[in-house]
Amino acid sequence: MAVDGRVLALDQGSHASRAVLFDAAGREIAQAHVPVATRRDGTDRVEQDPEEIVRSLRTAVQDVCERHAGIPVVAAGLATQRSTIVAWSRGSSRALTDAISWQDRRNAAWLKRLAPVAEHVRGITGLPLSPHYGASKLRWCLDHVPAVQRAAASGDLAFGPLSSYLVARLTAERTCVVDPANASRTLLFDATTLGWSPEMLRVFDLEATQLPACVPTRHAFGHLDCAGQPVSLSACTGDQSAAAFAFGAPGTDCALVNVGTGAFIQRVAPDGAPLPDGILLSVVNADTDGVLTSHEGTVNGAGSALDWLRERVAIDVDRGLAALAAHTAPAVVAPLFMNGVGGLGAPFWQADFPCEFVGDGDETAQLTAVVESIVFLLCVNLERLVRSAPLRRIRISGGLARNDYLCSCLAALSGLTVERPAAVEATARGVAYLAAGKPASWRSVPIEQAFAPVESTTLASRYARWLREMTSRGATT
């Protein structure tokens, strides 16, 4: 499909909302960035203000569209944090709860009672029973928030992924729908039928009528106001699902790593390949071309682990990262970091895991250990992915992809070349590509640097020690 005009991408992330304009060849021509705040209460509760998120997106859209008025915007796409949920009034679209973050684990204790059906849940949804996913948070809202209870009683309740709330608030039509990628992070979605699972709804005692209607990734979601110009919102997906398309249609032989607040590693599911233990089945895209699924691993403590460190050390973490990026070999003297920030994701799936350093080292050494822990967690997942089928390379994106040390460590431990494209912000580009209809006219993004695997006995030894320490602390799969 050819694109004649600009395509607008909305990228709503944990720390900011971005609006990015692309031209008909897929070149970025303008962007606006509006920060959003996150509130934390203890180790389990993580929330954002849904009204602030809406305002941030509207501000970003207004900014880029006004700066480039006169050139038509022909399509728009929205990518959001997966597993973040909101409850809202179906009639007014007013939020009834905060946006409960994907990092939030408030209903972990309640979820443990469903342990006997964990394998059945995984068989239908492709997910483990984790408090990071939406269903237990939706259940918590019904059990603890009076406004949600009143809306449910009156038939006015809508709740589900953040993406659905934003579509309802940002489109003139107030559409109440959900795309497959975001729906598949609720523990309620059946990837084989592309709809809400009646069995999972019974498990969590939820009603399908309160959830958004399931639609394809590309759909007539409604119209956005772009500086007075109505623009069709034609694609909606999750952040990592969008990132998979940032550099064109993904193939089965490449592992896609995106390192932001969390880190994610995924590969297109090879035909007939079994889902590895502890790894997620994700719906990456569903449209008239068919359904594309991936095998995905998650690391909760990536950028959030650096935020954790910022609160505890006196050094400038950003400056320290810049200095670390100049190194291509691991520090000889550094502690190991047991990275339980946000709980352990794939393949361990432990909501509560203590964070601690093993061994001594100054603050710079601690920063090295945190960065290495992100790589170590990615490699644990990568080892699971290659059990299904071989991989030939890794392509890395996201803010931390700019760190040479992280990339070189990942290449050394994986034995695979790590390719870093010239454009590392993948989510906005990916959703714009989908919104434009996956056009052949879009130019490919060149590889800025390729990190060939260089064997490091020191790093391999540290990884082996880290694995033993994790196991001794109960991190088992």
Protein backbone atom coordinates (compact mmCIF):
# COMPACT_ATOMS: atom_id res chain seq x y z
CA MET A 1 0.00 0.00 0.00
CA ALA A 2 1.39 3.40 -0.96
CA VAL A 3 1.13 6.31 1.45
CA ASP A 4 0.57 9.84 0.16
CA GLY A 5 0.89 12.14 3.14
CA ARG A 6 2.07 12.06 6.71
CA VAL A 7 1.50 9.28 9.21
CA LEU A 8 1.17 10.12 12.89
CA ALA A 9 2.40 7.73 15.57
CA LEU A 10 1.36 8.04 19.22
CA ASP A 11 3.70 6.23 21.61
CA GLN A 12 2.43 6.21 25.18
CA GLY A 13 5.11 4.85 27.51
CA SER A 14 5.83 4.61 31.21
CA HIS A 15 7.76 7.88 31.38
CA ALA A 16 6.37 9.97 28.53
CA SER A 17 3.94 10.33 25.66
CA ARG A 18 5.37 10.96 22.20
CA ALA A 19 3.82 12.03 18.92
CA VAL A 20 5.95 11.40 15.85
CA LEU A 21 5.26 12.34 12.22
CA PHE A 22 6.62 10.19 9.40
CA ASP A 23 6.63 10.97 5.71
CA ALA A 24 5.60 8.67 2.85
CA ALA A 25 9.04 7.02 2.83
CA GLY A 26 8.99 6.30 6.57
CA ARG A 27 11.39 9.09 7.52
CA GLU A 28 10.80 10.81 10.84
CA ILE A 29 10.16 14.50 10.25
CA ALA A 30 8.94 15.78 13.62
CA GLN A 31 8.27 14.65 17.15
CA ALA A 32 6.99 16.00 20.44
CA HIS A 33 7.70 14.54 23.87
CA VAL A 34 5.63 15.18 27.01
CA PRO A 35 6.70 13.57 30.32
CA VAL A 36 4.18 11.79 32.53
CA ALA A 37 4.58 11.07 36.22
CA THR A 38 4.46 7.72 37.99
CA ARG A 39 3.34 7.26 41.59
CA ARG A 40 4.71 4.42 43.69
CA ASP A 41 3.35 3.29 47.03
CA GLY A 42 5.62 0.71 48.58
CA THR A 43 6.95 -2.08 46.40
CA ASP A 44 3.63 -3.26 44.96
CA ARG A 45 1.57 -0.25 43.88
CA VAL A 46 2.45 1.68 40.73
CA GLU A 47 -0.07 4.13 39.24
CA GLN A 48 -0.36 6.96 36.77
CA ASP A 49 -2.98 9.67 36.36
CA PRO A 50 -5.09 8.75 33.32
CA GLU A 51 -6.11 12.37 32.80
CA GLU A 52 -2.46 13.40 32.70
CA ILE A 53 -1.80 10.71 30.10
CA VAL A 54 -4.68 11.98 27.94
CA ARG A 55 -3.47 15.59 28.24
CA SER A 56 0.09 14.59 27.41
CA LEU A 57 -0.99 12.85 24.22
CA ARG A 58 -3.21 15.74 23.13
CA THR A 59 -0.39 18.21 23.79
CA ALA A 60 2.10 16.13 21.82
CA VAL A 61 -0.29 15.74 18.89
CA GLN A 62 -1.12 19.45 18.87
CA ASP A 63 2.56 20.34 18.91
CA VAL A 64 3.67 18.26 15.92
CA CYS A 65 0.54 18.90 13.85
CA GLU A 66 0.62 22.67 14.31
CA ARG A 67 4.30 22.79 13.34
CA HIS A 68 3.52 20.98 10.09
CA ALA A 69 0.10 22.37 9.25
CA GLY A 70 -0.95 22.32 5.61
CA ILE A 71 0.39 18.84 4.85
CA PRO A 72 -2.32 16.18 5.29
CA VAL A 73 -1.99 13.48 7.93
CA VAL A 74 -3.56 10.44 6.29
CA ALA A 75 -3.45 7.91 9.13
CA ALA A 76 -2.52 7.54 12.78
CA GLY A 77 -1.48 4.68 15.02
CA LEU A 78 -1.43 4.27 18.80
CA ALA A 79 0.96 2.09 20.80
CA THR A 80 0.69 1.82 24.57
CA GLN A 81 2.06 0.08 27.62
CA ARG A 82 0.61 -3.41 27.71
CA SER A 83 -0.90 -4.78 30.94
CA THR A 84 -1.67 -1.30 32.30
CA ILE A 85 -5.42 -1.06 32.97
CA VAL A 86 -8.07 1.60 33.58
CA ALA A 87 -11.75 1.52 34.52
CA TRP A 88 -13.98 4.21 33.02
CA SER A 89 -17.60 5.26 32.53
CA ARG A 90 -18.99 3.85 29.31
CA GLY A 91 -21.34 6.82 29.01
CA SER A 92 -18.96 9.72 29.70
CA SER A 93 -15.55 8.08 29.14
CA ARG A 94 -14.47 9.55 32.49
CA ALA A 95 -11.87 7.50 34.31
CA LEU A 96 -13.06 5.75 37.48
CA THR A 97 -9.60 4.60 38.59
CA ASP A 98 -6.01 5.56 38.13
CA ALA A 99 -4.08 3.83 35.39
CA ILE A 100 -2.79 0.79 37.27
CA SER A 101 0.62 0.15 35.78
CA TRP A 102 1.94 -3.05 34.24
CA GLN A 103 4.53 -2.85 37.02
CA ASP A 104 1.82 -3.00 39.70
CA ARG A 105 1.49 -6.20 41.78
CA ARG A 106 -1.20 -5.19 44.27
CA ASN A 107 -3.33 -8.30 43.84
CA ALA A 108 -0.52 -10.86 43.95
CA ALA A 109 -1.76 -12.47 47.18
CA TRP A 110 -5.29 -12.90 45.77
CA LEU A 111 -3.91 -14.38 42.56
CA LYS A 112 -2.11 -17.16 44.44
CA ARG A 113 -5.46 -18.85 45.11
CA LEU A 114 -5.67 -19.64 41.39
CA ALA A 115 -2.44 -21.66 41.41
CA PRO A 116 -4.30 -24.98 40.86
CA VAL A 117 -5.49 -23.76 37.44
CA ALA A 118 -2.23 -22.08 36.39
CA GLU A 119 -1.43 -24.60 33.67
CA HIS A 120 -4.97 -24.38 32.28
CA VAL A 121 -4.68 -20.58 32.18
CA ARG A 122 -1.36 -20.81 30.36
CA GLY A 123 -2.81 -23.28 27.88
CA ILE A 124 -5.54 -20.84 26.84
CA THR A 125 -3.79 -17.47 27.17
CA GLY A 126 -0.12 -18.33 26.63
CA LEU A 127 0.68 -16.50 29.88
CA PRO A 128 1.63 -17.52 33.40
CA LEU A 129 -0.48 -16.45 36.35
CA SER A 130 1.23 -13.13 37.06
CA PRO A 131 -0.06 -10.06 38.91
CA HIS A 132 1.57 -7.90 36.24
CA TYR A 133 -1.20 -8.84 33.80
CA GLY A 134 -4.58 -7.17 33.71
CA ALA A 135 -7.12 -9.66 35.03
CA SER A 136 -6.16 -9.59 38.72
CA LYS A 137 -6.06 -5.78 38.60
CA LEU A 138 -9.53 -5.63 37.05
CA ARG A 139 -10.72 -7.99 39.77
CA TRP A 140 -9.14 -5.71 42.39
CA CYS A 141 -11.01 -2.69 40.99
CA LEU A 142 -14.35 -4.50 41.25
CA ASP A 143 -13.60 -5.65 44.78
CA HIS A 144 -12.19 -2.41 46.21
CA VAL A 145 -13.25 0.71 44.24
CA PRO A 146 -16.78 1.98 45.04
CA ALA A 147 -17.03 4.01 41.82
CA VAL A 148 -16.31 0.87 39.80
CA GLN A 149 -18.87 -1.12 41.80
CA ARG A 150 -21.54 1.54 41.21
CA ALA A 151 -20.79 1.68 37.48
CA ALA A 152 -20.98 -2.13 37.28
CA ALA A 153 -24.35 -2.13 39.04
CA SER A 154 -25.78 0.51 36.69
CA GLY A 155 -24.37 -1.04 33.52
CA ASP A 156 -22.07 1.91 32.92
CA LEU A 157 -18.74 0.17 33.55
CA ALA A 158 -16.04 -0.26 30.94
CA PHE A 159 -12.60 -1.43 31.86
CA GLY A 160 -9.61 -3.00 30.22
CA PRO A 161 -6.20 -2.11 28.79
CA LEU A 162 -4.97 1.47 28.85
CA SER A 163 -5.11 1.45 25.04
CA SER A 164 -8.89 1.01 25.10
CA TYR A 165 -9.38 3.89 27.53
CA LEU A 166 -7.22 6.16 25.39
CA VAL A 167 -9.14 5.23 22.23
CA ALA A 168 -12.38 6.06 24.06
CA ARG A 169 -11.01 9.41 25.22
CA LEU A 170 -9.12 10.51 22.14
CA THR A 171 -11.52 9.57 19.32
CA ALA A 172 -14.55 11.64 18.43
CA GLU A 173 -16.59 8.42 18.31
CA ARG A 174 -15.54 7.33 21.88
CA THR A 175 -14.98 3.84 20.54
CA CYS A 176 -14.80 1.05 23.13
CA VAL A 177 -12.59 -1.60 21.51
CA VAL A 178 -9.33 -3.47 22.09
CA ASP A 179 -6.65 -4.75 19.74
CA PRO A 180 -5.24 -8.29 20.02
CA ALA A 181 -1.79 -7.34 21.37
CA ASN A 182 -3.17 -5.43 24.34
CA ALA A 183 -6.03 -7.87 24.91
CA SER A 184 -3.56 -10.75 25.05
CA ARG A 185 -1.91 -9.19 28.12
CA THR A 186 -5.04 -9.43 30.28
CA LEU A 187 -5.08 -13.20 31.06
CA LEU A 188 -8.58 -13.15 29.54
CA PHE A 189 -7.83 -13.46 25.81
CA ASP A 190 -7.78 -16.62 23.72
CA ALA A 191 -5.15 -16.22 21.00
CA THR A 192 -6.70 -19.02 18.92
CA THR A 193 -10.15 -17.41 18.69
CA LEU A 194 -8.96 -13.78 18.97
CA GLY A 195 -11.65 -13.10 21.53
CA TRP A 196 -12.35 -13.07 25.25
CA SER A 197 -12.21 -16.56 26.71
CA PRO A 198 -15.44 -17.58 28.48
CA GLU A 199 -13.40 -19.91 30.70
CA MET A 200 -10.99 -17.19 31.78
CA LEU A 201 -13.86 -14.81 32.46
CA ARG A 202 -15.31 -17.45 34.79
CA VAL A 203 -11.94 -17.97 36.50
CA PHE A 204 -11.69 -14.26 37.33
CA ASP A 205 -15.45 -13.75 37.72
CA LEU A 206 -15.61 -10.98 35.14
CA GLU A 207 -18.25 -10.12 32.53
CA ALA A 208 -17.51 -9.79 28.84
CA THR A 209 -20.05 -6.95 28.54
CA GLN A 210 -17.80 -4.79 30.72
CA LEU A 211 -14.79 -5.32 28.48
CA PRO A 212 -14.04 -3.62 25.16
CA ALA A 213 -14.99 -5.39 21.94
CA CYS A 214 -12.12 -7.31 20.32
CA VAL A 215 -11.07 -5.99 16.89
CA PRO A 216 -8.03 -6.48 14.59
CA THR A 217 -4.78 -4.53 14.86
CA ARG A 218 -5.76 -2.48 11.83
CA HIS A 219 -9.30 -1.22 12.29
CA ALA A 220 -11.42 1.91 12.00
CA PHE A 221 -10.87 2.92 15.62
CA GLY A 222 -12.30 6.41 15.15
CA HIS A 223 -10.94 9.88 14.42
CA LEU A 224 -8.37 11.94 16.31
CA ASP A 225 -8.30 15.72 16.39
CA CYS A 226 -4.94 16.77 14.90
CA ALA A 227 -4.91 20.56 15.20
CA GLY A 228 -8.49 20.74 13.91
CA GLN A 229 -7.98 18.09 11.25
CA PRO A 230 -9.82 14.76 11.76
CA VAL A 231 -7.39 11.88 11.23
CA SER A 232 -8.34 8.23 11.11
CA LEU A 233 -6.83 6.13 13.88
CA SER A 234 -6.20 3.01 11.80
CA ALA A 235 -3.90 0.90 14.01
CA CYS A 236 -3.60 0.17 17.69
CA THR A 237 -1.21 -2.21 19.42
CA GLY A 238 1.13 -2.70 22.35
CA ASP A 239 4.53 -1.08 22.60
CA GLN A 240 6.57 -4.26 22.11
CA SER A 241 4.27 -5.51 19.36
CA ALA A 242 4.77 -2.23 17.53
CA ALA A 243 8.54 -2.39 18.04
CA ALA A 244 8.61 -5.73 16.22
CA PHE A 245 7.62 -3.89 13.00
CA ALA A 246 9.98 -0.94 13.33
CA PHE A 247 12.32 -2.31 10.69
CA GLY A 248 9.80 -4.06 8.47
CA ALA A 249 8.08 -7.40 8.81
CA PRO A 250 9.97 -9.49 11.40
CA GLY A 251 11.43 -12.88 10.53
CA THR A 252 11.78 -16.05 12.57
CA ASP A 253 15.59 -16.08 12.65
CA CYS A 254 16.06 -12.74 14.43
CA ALA A 255 15.60 -12.06 18.14
CA LEU A 256 14.16 -8.59 18.73
CA VAL A 257 15.29 -6.93 21.95
CA ASN A 258 13.77 -3.68 23.16
CA VAL A 259 15.25 -2.14 26.31
CA GLY A 260 13.27 0.62 27.99
CA THR A 261 11.66 0.75 31.44
CA GLY A 262 11.42 -3.01 31.06
CA ALA A 263 13.32 -5.15 28.57
CA PHE A 264 11.68 -7.54 26.15
CA ILE A 265 13.07 -10.20 23.86
CA GLN A 266 10.88 -11.85 21.25
CA ARG A 267 11.04 -13.81 18.04
CA VAL A 268 8.31 -14.66 15.55
CA ALA A 269 7.00 -18.09 16.54
CA PRO A 270 8.34 -20.64 14.03
CA ASP A 271 5.70 -22.88 12.48
CA GLY A 272 5.12 -25.91 14.67
CA ALA A 273 7.66 -24.82 17.29
CA PRO A 274 6.59 -25.53 20.88
CA LEU A 275 6.27 -22.68 23.34
CA PRO A 276 9.37 -22.87 25.59
CA ASP A 277 8.86 -23.24 29.33
CA GLY A 278 8.47 -19.90 31.07
CA ILE A 279 8.16 -17.97 27.79
CA LEU A 280 5.07 -16.04 26.70
CA LEU A 281 2.94 -16.50 23.61
CA SER A 282 2.15 -13.03 22.26
CA VAL A 283 -0.15 -11.90 19.47
CA VAL A 284 1.99 -9.43 17.56
CA ASN A 285 -0.46 -8.57 14.81
CA ALA A 286 -3.83 -9.74 13.53
CA ASP A 287 -5.35 -8.35 10.34
CA THR A 288 -6.44 -9.43 6.88
CA ASP A 289 -2.95 -10.85 6.26
CA GLY A 290 -3.45 -13.32 9.10
CA VAL A 291 -2.29 -13.70 12.69
CA LEU A 292 1.36 -13.30 13.65
CA THR A 293 2.41 -14.61 17.05
CA SER A 294 5.72 -14.46 18.88
CA HIS A 295 7.55 -16.17 21.70
CA GLU A 296 8.49 -13.49 24.19
CA GLY A 297 10.55 -13.09 27.33
CA THR A 298 10.25 -10.17 29.72
CA VAL A 299 12.67 -8.45 32.09
CA ASN A 300 10.92 -6.13 34.54
CA GLY A 301 14.08 -4.48 35.88
CA ALA A 302 15.75 -2.64 32.98
CA GLY A 303 15.44 1.16 33.00
CA SER A 304 13.44 0.72 36.22
CA ALA A 305 16.47 -1.01 37.76
CA LEU A 306 18.58 2.05 36.94
CA ASP A 307 15.88 4.21 38.56
CA TRP A 308 16.15 1.93 41.61
CA LEU A 309 19.91 2.55 41.68
CA ARG A 310 19.50 6.31 41.25
CA GLU A 311 17.62 6.44 44.53
CA ARG A 312 20.47 4.70 46.36
CA VAL A 313 23.78 6.02 45.06
CA ALA A 314 25.40 9.42 44.92
CA ILE A 315 26.82 9.18 41.41
CA ASP A 316 25.14 10.59 38.31
CA VAL A 317 23.78 7.40 36.77
CA ASP A 318 23.35 8.94 33.31
CA ARG A 319 26.94 10.18 33.29
CA GLY A 320 28.08 6.80 34.58
CA LEU A 321 26.22 5.04 31.75
CA ALA A 322 27.94 7.28 29.22
CA ALA A 323 31.32 6.38 30.69
CA LEU A 324 30.41 2.69 30.79
CA ALA A 325 29.42 2.79 27.13
CA ALA A 326 33.07 3.33 26.23
CA HIS A 327 34.00 -0.11 27.57
CA THR A 328 33.77 -3.30 25.57
CA ALA A 329 35.05 -5.68 28.28
CA PRO A 330 33.43 -6.34 31.67
CA ALA A 331 34.83 -4.81 34.80
CA VAL A 332 37.10 -7.27 36.60
CA VAL A 333 36.09 -6.13 40.07
CA ALA A 334 32.35 -5.62 40.47
CA PRO A 335 29.60 -7.12 42.57
CA LEU A 336 26.76 -9.14 41.11
CA PHE A 337 23.25 -7.68 41.18
CA MET A 338 20.27 -9.86 41.98
CA ASN A 339 17.77 -7.91 39.90
CA GLY A 340 14.32 -8.31 41.41
CA VAL A 341 13.16 -4.80 40.51
CA GLY A 342 9.45 -5.09 39.71
CA GLY A 343 9.57 -8.83 40.45
CA LEU A 344 11.12 -11.47 38.23
CA GLY A 345 9.52 -11.83 34.83
CA ALA A 346 10.23 -14.60 32.33
CA PRO A 347 11.17 -17.36 32.74
CA PHE A 348 11.11 -17.26 36.57
CA TRP A 349 7.76 -15.56 37.26
CA GLN A 350 8.26 -14.63 40.89
CA ALA A 351 6.37 -11.54 42.00
CA ASP A 352 8.53 -11.06 45.10
CA PHE A 353 12.28 -11.32 44.76
CA PRO A 354 14.70 -9.25 46.85
CA CYS A 355 17.16 -6.90 45.20
CA GLU A 356 20.70 -7.04 46.51
CA PHE A 357 24.34 -6.83 45.55
CA VAL A 358 26.56 -9.84 46.10
CA GLY A 359 30.12 -8.72 46.72
CA ASP A 360 31.69 -5.34 47.29
CA GLY A 361 32.26 -2.51 44.88
CA ASP A 362 32.00 1.25 44.61
CA GLU A 363 29.04 3.00 43.05
CA THR A 364 30.46 2.76 39.54
CA ALA A 365 30.95 -0.98 40.02
CA GLN A 366 27.35 -1.24 41.22
CA LEU A 367 26.17 0.49 38.04
CA THR A 368 28.16 -2.04 36.01
CA ALA A 369 26.51 -4.87 37.95
CA VAL A 370 23.01 -3.51 37.29
CA VAL A 371 23.64 -3.20 33.54
CA GLU A 372 25.09 -6.71 33.46
CA SER A 373 22.05 -8.06 35.32
CA ILE A 374 19.79 -6.78 32.53
CA VAL A 375 21.94 -8.67 30.01
CA PHE A 376 21.98 -11.78 32.19
CA LEU A 377 18.17 -11.81 32.45
CA LEU A 378 17.86 -11.34 28.68
CA CYS A 379 20.25 -14.24 28.10
CA VAL A 380 18.26 -16.57 30.35
CA ASN A 381 15.26 -15.87 28.11
CA LEU A 382 17.31 -16.13 24.93
CA GLU A 383 18.47 -19.60 25.94
CA ARG A 384 14.81 -20.64 26.15
CA LEU A 385 13.96 -19.12 22.76
CA VAL A 386 16.66 -21.02 20.89
CA ARG A 387 15.27 -24.30 22.22
CA SER A 388 12.39 -23.88 19.72
CA ALA A 389 14.55 -23.04 16.71
CA PRO A 390 17.99 -21.51 16.04
CA LEU A 391 18.52 -17.77 15.84
CA ARG A 392 21.05 -16.02 13.61
CA ARG A 393 21.18 -12.52 15.06
CA ILE A 394 19.80 -10.04 17.56
CA ARG A 395 18.41 -6.62 16.70
CA ILE A 396 18.29 -4.20 19.63
CA SER A 397 16.23 -1.04 20.13
CA GLY A 398 15.09 1.22 22.96
CA GLY A 399 16.88 3.88 24.99
CA LEU A 400 19.46 1.57 26.58
CA ALA A 401 20.39 0.17 23.16
CA ARG A 402 22.69 3.20 22.90
CA ASN A 403 24.95 1.69 25.56
CA ASP A 404 27.85 -0.09 23.84
CA TYR A 405 28.74 -2.03 26.97
CA LEU A 406 25.26 -3.57 27.21
CA CYS A 407 25.33 -4.48 23.51
CA SER A 408 28.81 -5.99 23.62
CA CYS A 409 27.96 -8.05 26.73
CA LEU A 410 24.80 -9.35 25.05
CA ALA A 411 26.77 -10.34 21.95
CA ALA A 412 29.50 -12.03 23.98
CA LEU A 413 27.16 -14.14 26.10
CA SER A 414 24.69 -15.02 23.34
CA GLY A 415 27.28 -15.84 20.69
CA LEU A 416 25.16 -13.85 18.22
CA THR A 417 25.84 -10.59 16.42
CA VAL A 418 23.87 -7.72 17.97
CA GLU A 419 22.70 -5.19 15.38
CA ARG A 420 21.87 -1.66 16.48
CA PRO A 421 19.91 0.34 13.89
CA ALA A 422 20.52 4.03 13.35
CA ALA A 423 17.06 4.70 14.81
CA VAL A 424 16.68 2.94 18.16
CA GLU A 425 13.25 4.34 19.10
CA ALA A 426 11.29 1.46 17.64
CA THR A 427 7.74 1.71 19.00
CA ALA A 428 6.62 4.86 17.18
CA ARG A 429 8.13 3.77 13.88
CA GLY A 430 6.55 0.33 14.16
CA VAL A 431 3.02 1.54 14.83
CA ALA A 432 3.31 4.15 12.06
CA TYR A 433 4.29 1.36 9.66
CA LEU A 434 1.22 -0.62 10.70
CA ALA A 435 -1.07 2.42 10.48
CA ALA A 436 0.19 3.12 6.97
CA GLY A 437 -0.70 -0.42 5.92
CA LYS A 438 2.84 -1.89 5.93
CA PRO A 439 3.85 -0.01 2.75
CA ALA A 440 6.65 -1.30 0.54
CA SER A 441 7.65 2.33 -0.06
CA TRP A 442 9.06 2.70 3.45
CA ARG A 443 12.83 2.79 3.45
CA SER A 444 14.75 0.36 5.62
CA VAL A 445 16.70 1.69 8.60
CA PRO A 446 20.45 1.13 8.23
CA ILE A 447 22.42 -0.72 10.88
CA GLU A 448 24.49 1.85 12.76
CA GLN A 449 26.74 -0.69 14.46
CA ALA A 450 27.05 -4.45 14.64
CA PHE A 451 28.54 -5.98 17.78
CA ALA A 452 30.18 -9.26 16.88
CA PRO A 453 30.43 -11.82 19.67
CA VAL A 454 33.85 -11.70 21.33
CA GLU A 455 34.46 -14.45 23.83
CA SER A 456 34.99 -13.19 27.39
CA THR A 457 35.87 -15.77 30.02
CA THR A 458 35.47 -13.12 32.73
CA LEU A 459 31.93 -12.25 31.67
CA ALA A 460 30.99 -15.91 31.19
CA SER A 461 32.28 -16.68 34.68
CA ARG A 462 30.29 -13.80 36.16
CA TYR A 463 27.15 -15.01 34.36
CA ALA A 464 27.63 -18.53 35.72
CA ARG A 465 28.12 -17.16 39.26
CA TRP A 466 25.05 -14.95 38.86
CA LEU A 467 22.95 -17.95 37.81
CA ARG A 468 24.11 -19.90 40.87
CA GLU A 469 23.35 -16.97 43.16
CA MET A 470 19.89 -16.54 41.63
CA THR A 471 19.16 -20.23 42.13
CA SER A 472 20.36 -20.11 45.74
CA ARG A 473 17.85 -17.30 46.35
CA GLY A 474 14.96 -19.31 44.98
CA ALA A 475 14.86 -18.11 41.37
CA THR A 476 13.87 -21.38 39.72
CA THR A 477 12.01 -22.09 36.51
